[in-house]
């Protein structure tokens, strides 16, 4: 699980290097993504991974908010906040009692429905969710002519093996 949290931070950091080069028109353009634009998709990641899931896991609190909420208006603060908050997951997992992983995770959905699901699988969902939306963003960037970094997990592992960022 810690591997996936590390990967999440690594992938965000690499994606941010490209996002810093994207012109505003492209960053805010409706590209037909589920959350319309790169901006909307990044805000969705901030909502999902941090406002909702991190609160549920670390605080035992299930906020109720729309999945398309705009938490951060400034694009540069948005990308930096996503990166900074990704490290919170690593800290959380280092302190997590491993016996919890084999149990159930209880929370309320963003609409208030009570749910119980496997704890470890739900954590994996959080990191897989980020991978899914980063893939959408890189597809949109590629379609607009930007060169995107390789974000596959194996590249992080190879970089780590050879001491590269």
C-alpha atoms as a PDB file:
ATOM      1  CA  UNK A   1       0.000   0.000   0.000  1.00  0.00           C
ATOM      2  CA  UNK A   2       2.874   2.366   0.799  1.00  0.00           C
ATOM      3  CA  UNK A   3       4.218   1.647  -2.679  1.00  0.00           C
ATOM      4  CA  UNK A   4       0.987   2.973  -4.191  1.00  0.00           C
ATOM      5  CA  UNK A   5       1.118   6.102  -2.040  1.00  0.00           C
ATOM      6  CA  UNK A   6       4.719   6.719  -3.159  1.00  0.00           C
ATOM      7  CA  UNK A   7       3.712   6.132  -6.757  1.00  0.00           C
ATOM      8  CA  UNK A   8       0.839   8.592  -6.417  1.00  0.00           C
ATOM      9  CA  UNK A   9       3.216  11.345  -5.247  1.00  0.00           C
ATOM     10  CA  UNK A  10       5.784  10.496  -7.914  1.00  0.00           C
ATOM     11  CA  UNK A  11       3.194  10.580 -10.709  1.00  0.00           C
ATOM     12  CA  UNK A  12       1.708  13.876  -9.523  1.00  0.00           C
ATOM     13  CA  UNK A  13       5.162  15.436  -9.333  1.00  0.00           C
ATOM     14  CA  UNK A  14       6.010  14.326 -12.876  1.00  0.00           C
ATOM     15  CA  UNK A  15       2.647  15.448 -14.256  1.00  0.00           C
ATOM     16  CA  UNK A  16       3.003  18.826 -12.567  1.00  0.00           C
ATOM     17  CA  UNK A  17       6.213  19.494 -14.526  1.00  0.00           C
ATOM     18  CA  UNK A  18       4.177  19.372 -17.730  1.00  0.00           C
ATOM     19  CA  UNK A  19       1.131  21.153 -16.315  1.00  0.00           C
ATOM     20  CA  UNK A  20       3.321  24.138 -15.431  1.00  0.00           C
ATOM     21  CA  UNK A  21       4.010  24.531 -19.169  1.00  0.00           C
ATOM     22  CA  UNK A  22       0.372  24.329 -20.303  1.00  0.00           C
ATOM     23  CA  UNK A  23      -1.129  27.642 -21.380  1.00  0.00           C
ATOM     24  CA  UNK A  24      -4.227  28.817 -19.520  1.00  0.00           C
ATOM     25  CA  UNK A  25      -6.494  28.327 -22.532  1.00  0.00           C
ATOM     26  CA  UNK A  26      -5.572  24.625 -22.680  1.00  0.00           C
ATOM     27  CA  UNK A  27      -5.624  24.162 -18.905  1.00  0.00           C
ATOM     28  CA  UNK A  28      -9.218  25.398 -18.617  1.00  0.00           C
ATOM     29  CA  UNK A  29     -10.486  24.117 -22.002  1.00  0.00           C
ATOM     30  CA  UNK A  30     -13.385  21.654 -22.038  1.00  0.00           C
ATOM     31  CA  UNK A  31     -11.667  18.580 -23.460  1.00  0.00           C
ATOM     32  CA  UNK A  32     -14.639  16.296 -23.038  1.00  0.00           C
ATOM     33  CA  UNK A  33     -13.211  14.798 -19.852  1.00  0.00           C
ATOM     34  CA  UNK A  34     -15.700  13.607 -17.262  1.00  0.00           C
ATOM     35  CA  UNK A  35     -14.893  16.734 -15.222  1.00  0.00           C
ATOM     36  CA  UNK A  36     -14.567  18.697 -18.467  1.00  0.00           C
ATOM     37  CA  UNK A  37     -11.116  20.271 -18.258  1.00  0.00           C
ATOM     38  CA  UNK A  38      -7.702  19.568 -16.801  1.00  0.00           C
ATOM     39  CA  UNK A  39      -8.596  22.152 -14.164  1.00  0.00           C
ATOM     40  CA  UNK A  40     -11.886  20.415 -13.328  1.00  0.00           C
ATOM     41  CA  UNK A  41     -10.253  16.985 -13.242  1.00  0.00           C
ATOM     42  CA  UNK A  42      -7.469  18.150 -10.918  1.00  0.00           C
ATOM     43  CA  UNK A  43     -10.041  19.710  -8.597  1.00  0.00           C
ATOM     44  CA  UNK A  44     -11.938  16.412  -8.661  1.00  0.00           C
ATOM     45  CA  UNK A  45      -8.745  14.649  -7.567  1.00  0.00           C
ATOM     46  CA  UNK A  46      -8.397  17.151  -4.727  1.00  0.00           C
ATOM     47  CA  UNK A  47     -12.012  16.522  -3.715  1.00  0.00           C
ATOM     48  CA  UNK A  48     -11.864  12.745  -4.027  1.00  0.00           C
ATOM     49  CA  UNK A  49      -8.422  11.860  -2.726  1.00  0.00           C
ATOM     50  CA  UNK A  50      -8.117  14.452  -0.022  1.00  0.00           C
ATOM     51  CA  UNK A  51     -11.337  16.190   0.990  1.00  0.00           C
ATOM     52  CA  UNK A  52     -13.325  12.950   0.942  1.00  0.00           C
ATOM     53  CA  UNK A  53     -11.140   9.841   1.185  1.00  0.00           C
ATOM     54  CA  UNK A  54      -8.346  11.198   3.358  1.00  0.00           C
ATOM     55  CA  UNK A  55     -10.932  12.616   5.767  1.00  0.00           C
ATOM     56  CA  UNK A  56     -12.708   9.275   5.846  1.00  0.00           C
ATOM     57  CA  UNK A  57      -9.552   7.303   6.522  1.00  0.00           C
ATOM     58  CA  UNK A  58      -7.556   9.611   8.772  1.00  0.00           C
ATOM     59  CA  UNK A  59     -10.318  11.427  10.652  1.00  0.00           C
ATOM     60  CA  UNK A  60     -13.205   8.973  10.460  1.00  0.00           C
ATOM     61  CA  UNK A  61     -15.268  11.834   9.044  1.00  0.00           C
ATOM     62  CA  UNK A  62     -17.281  11.554   5.829  1.00  0.00           C
ATOM     63  CA  UNK A  63     -17.829  15.012   4.346  1.00  0.00           C
ATOM     64  CA  UNK A  64     -20.750  15.472   2.019  1.00  0.00           C
ATOM     65  CA  UNK A  65     -19.798  17.427  -1.072  1.00  0.00           C
ATOM     66  CA  UNK A  66     -20.217  17.269  -4.814  1.00  0.00           C
ATOM     67  CA  UNK A  67     -17.535  15.384  -6.705  1.00  0.00           C
ATOM     68  CA  UNK A  68     -17.199  18.296  -9.129  1.00  0.00           C
ATOM     69  CA  UNK A  69     -16.637  20.907  -6.409  1.00  0.00           C
ATOM     70  CA  UNK A  70     -13.951  23.482  -7.113  1.00  0.00           C
ATOM     71  CA  UNK A  71     -11.779  23.643  -4.011  1.00  0.00           C
ATOM     72  CA  UNK A  72      -8.838  25.561  -5.438  1.00  0.00           C
ATOM     73  CA  UNK A  73      -9.292  28.308  -8.034  1.00  0.00           C
ATOM     74  CA  UNK A  74      -5.606  29.066  -8.656  1.00  0.00           C
ATOM     75  CA  UNK A  75      -4.103  26.520 -11.039  1.00  0.00           C
ATOM     76  CA  UNK A  76      -0.601  26.682  -9.554  1.00  0.00           C
ATOM     77  CA  UNK A  77      -1.866  26.370  -5.987  1.00  0.00           C
ATOM     78  CA  UNK A  78      -4.022  23.465  -7.174  1.00  0.00           C
ATOM     79  CA  UNK A  79      -1.137  21.433  -8.593  1.00  0.00           C
ATOM     80  CA  UNK A  80       1.081  22.202  -5.605  1.00  0.00           C
ATOM     81  CA  UNK A  81      -1.670  21.326  -3.121  1.00  0.00           C
ATOM     82  CA  UNK A  82      -2.271  17.983  -4.831  1.00  0.00           C
ATOM     83  CA  UNK A  83       1.416  17.159  -4.511  1.00  0.00           C
ATOM     84  CA  UNK A  84       1.728  18.314  -0.897  1.00  0.00           C
ATOM     85  CA  UNK A  85      -1.401  16.445   0.181  1.00  0.00           C
ATOM     86  CA  UNK A  86      -0.223  13.274  -1.558  1.00  0.00           C
ATOM     87  CA  UNK A  87       2.539  12.994   1.051  1.00  0.00           C
ATOM     88  CA  UNK A  88      -0.125  12.893   3.793  1.00  0.00           C
ATOM     89  CA  UNK A  89      -1.144   9.477   2.480  1.00  0.00           C
ATOM     90  CA  UNK A  90       2.388   8.184   2.923  1.00  0.00           C
ATOM     91  CA  UNK A  91       2.507   9.458   6.508  1.00  0.00           C
ATOM     92  CA  UNK A  92      -0.909   7.952   7.227  1.00  0.00           C
ATOM     93  CA  UNK A  93       0.069   4.548   5.853  1.00  0.00           C
ATOM     94  CA  UNK A  94       3.359   4.445   7.764  1.00  0.00           C
ATOM     95  CA  UNK A  95       1.385   4.876  10.996  1.00  0.00           C
ATOM     96  CA  UNK A  96      -1.528   2.599  10.055  1.00  0.00           C
ATOM     97  CA  UNK A  97      -2.171  -0.484  12.190  1.00  0.00           C
ATOM     98  CA  UNK A  98      -1.725  -3.285   9.606  1.00  0.00           C
ATOM     99  CA  UNK A  99      -4.479  -5.368  11.196  1.00  0.00           C
ATOM    100  CA  UNK A 100      -6.989  -2.822   9.852  1.00  0.00           C
ATOM    101  CA  UNK A 101      -6.156  -3.857   6.296  1.00  0.00           C
ATOM    102  CA  UNK A 102      -7.940  -7.189   6.654  1.00  0.00           C
ATOM    103  CA  UNK A 103     -11.131  -5.647   8.038  1.00  0.00           C
ATOM    104  CA  UNK A 104     -13.975  -3.556   6.741  1.00  0.00           C
ATOM    105  CA  UNK A 105     -13.940   0.170   6.203  1.00  0.00           C
ATOM    106  CA  UNK A 106     -17.111   2.023   7.207  1.00  0.00           C
ATOM    107  CA  UNK A 107     -17.967   5.438   5.806  1.00  0.00           C
ATOM    108  CA  UNK A 108     -20.733   7.538   4.337  1.00  0.00           C
ATOM    109  CA  UNK A 109     -20.830   8.399   0.660  1.00  0.00           C
ATOM    110  CA  UNK A 110     -20.802  12.013  -0.432  1.00  0.00           C
ATOM    111  CA  UNK A 111     -24.610  11.766  -0.466  1.00  0.00           C
ATOM    112  CA  UNK A 112     -24.840  10.326   3.064  1.00  0.00           C
ATOM    113  CA  UNK A 113     -25.335   6.603   2.378  1.00  0.00           C
ATOM    114  CA  UNK A 114     -23.704   4.240   4.920  1.00  0.00           C
ATOM    115  CA  UNK A 115     -21.244   1.830   3.293  1.00  0.00           C
ATOM    116  CA  UNK A 116     -18.967  -0.973   4.512  1.00  0.00           C
ATOM    117  CA  UNK A 117     -16.293  -2.273   2.135  1.00  0.00           C
ATOM    118  CA  UNK A 118     -12.940  -4.071   2.456  1.00  0.00           C
ATOM    119  CA  UNK A 119     -10.407  -1.685   4.007  1.00  0.00           C
ATOM    120  CA  UNK A 120      -7.339  -2.581   1.894  1.00  0.00           C
ATOM    121  CA  UNK A 121      -9.294  -2.660  -1.364  1.00  0.00           C
ATOM    122  CA  UNK A 122     -10.758   0.753  -0.644  1.00  0.00           C
ATOM    123  CA  UNK A 123      -7.285   2.192  -0.108  1.00  0.00           C
ATOM    124  CA  UNK A 124      -6.244   0.693  -3.440  1.00  0.00           C
ATOM    125  CA  UNK A 125      -9.298   2.342  -5.005  1.00  0.00           C
ATOM    126  CA  UNK A 126      -8.059   5.768  -3.887  1.00  0.00           C
ATOM    127  CA  UNK A 127      -4.716   5.328  -5.654  1.00  0.00           C
ATOM    128  CA  UNK A 128      -6.226   3.637  -8.709  1.00  0.00           C
ATOM    129  CA  UNK A 129      -8.694   6.521  -9.006  1.00  0.00           C
ATOM    130  CA  UNK A 130      -5.799   8.980  -9.262  1.00  0.00           C
ATOM    131  CA  UNK A 131      -4.127   6.849 -11.912  1.00  0.00           C
ATOM    132  CA  UNK A 132      -7.359   6.791 -13.921  1.00  0.00           C
ATOM    133  CA  UNK A 133      -7.781  10.563 -13.933  1.00  0.00           C
ATOM    134  CA  UNK A 134      -4.092  11.282 -14.568  1.00  0.00           C
ATOM    135  CA  UNK A 135      -4.491   9.041 -17.621  1.00  0.00           C
ATOM    136  CA  UNK A 136      -7.385  11.180 -18.812  1.00  0.00           C
ATOM    137  CA  UNK A 137      -5.312  14.319 -18.308  1.00  0.00           C
ATOM    138  CA  UNK A 138      -2.316  12.952 -20.192  1.00  0.00           C
ATOM    139  CA  UNK A 139      -4.580  11.861 -23.065  1.00  0.00           C
ATOM    140  CA  UNK A 140      -6.003  15.395 -23.263  1.00  0.00           C
ATOM    141  CA  UNK A 141      -2.517  16.900 -23.125  1.00  0.00           C
ATOM    142  CA  UNK A 142      -1.274  14.575 -25.856  1.00  0.00           C
ATOM    143  CA  UNK A 143      -4.263  15.448 -28.060  1.00  0.00           C
ATOM    144  CA  UNK A 144      -3.386  19.142 -27.621  1.00  0.00           C
ATOM    145  CA  UNK A 145       0.215  18.495 -28.681  1.00  0.00           C
ATOM    146  CA  UNK A 146       2.001  18.450 -25.331  1.00  0.00           C
ATOM    147  CA  UNK A 147       4.621  15.808 -24.585  1.00  0.00           C
ATOM    148  CA  UNK A 148       3.743  13.903 -21.446  1.00  0.00           C
ATOM    149  CA  UNK A 149       6.051  12.051 -19.116  1.00  0.00           C
ATOM    150  CA  UNK A 150       5.819   8.292 -18.730  1.00  0.00           C
ATOM    151  CA  UNK A 151       3.709   7.712 -15.615  1.00  0.00           C
ATOM    152  CA  UNK A 152       3.633   3.904 -15.452  1.00  0.00           C
ATOM    153  CA  UNK A 153       4.562   2.480 -12.062  1.00  0.00           C
ATOM    154  CA  UNK A 154       7.402   0.457 -13.578  1.00  0.00           C
ATOM    155  CA  UNK A 155       9.153   3.697 -14.549  1.00  0.00           C
ATOM    156  CA  UNK A 156       9.082   4.883 -10.948  1.00  0.00           C
ATOM    157  CA  UNK A 157      10.551   1.549  -9.839  1.00  0.00           C
ATOM    158  CA  UNK A 158      13.282   1.736 -12.476  1.00  0.00           C
ATOM    159  CA  UNK A 159      14.059   5.340 -11.578  1.00  0.00           C
ATOM    160  CA  UNK A 160      14.339   4.402  -7.920  1.00  0.00           C
ATOM    161  CA  UNK A 161      16.607   1.476  -8.764  1.00  0.00           C
ATOM    162  CA  UNK A 162      19.008   3.797 -10.582  1.00  0.00           C
ATOM    163  CA  UNK A 163      18.648   6.735  -8.155  1.00  0.00           C
ATOM    164  CA  UNK A 164      16.784   8.972 -10.600  1.00  0.00           C
ATOM    165  CA  UNK A 165      13.801  11.216  -9.799  1.00  0.00           C
END
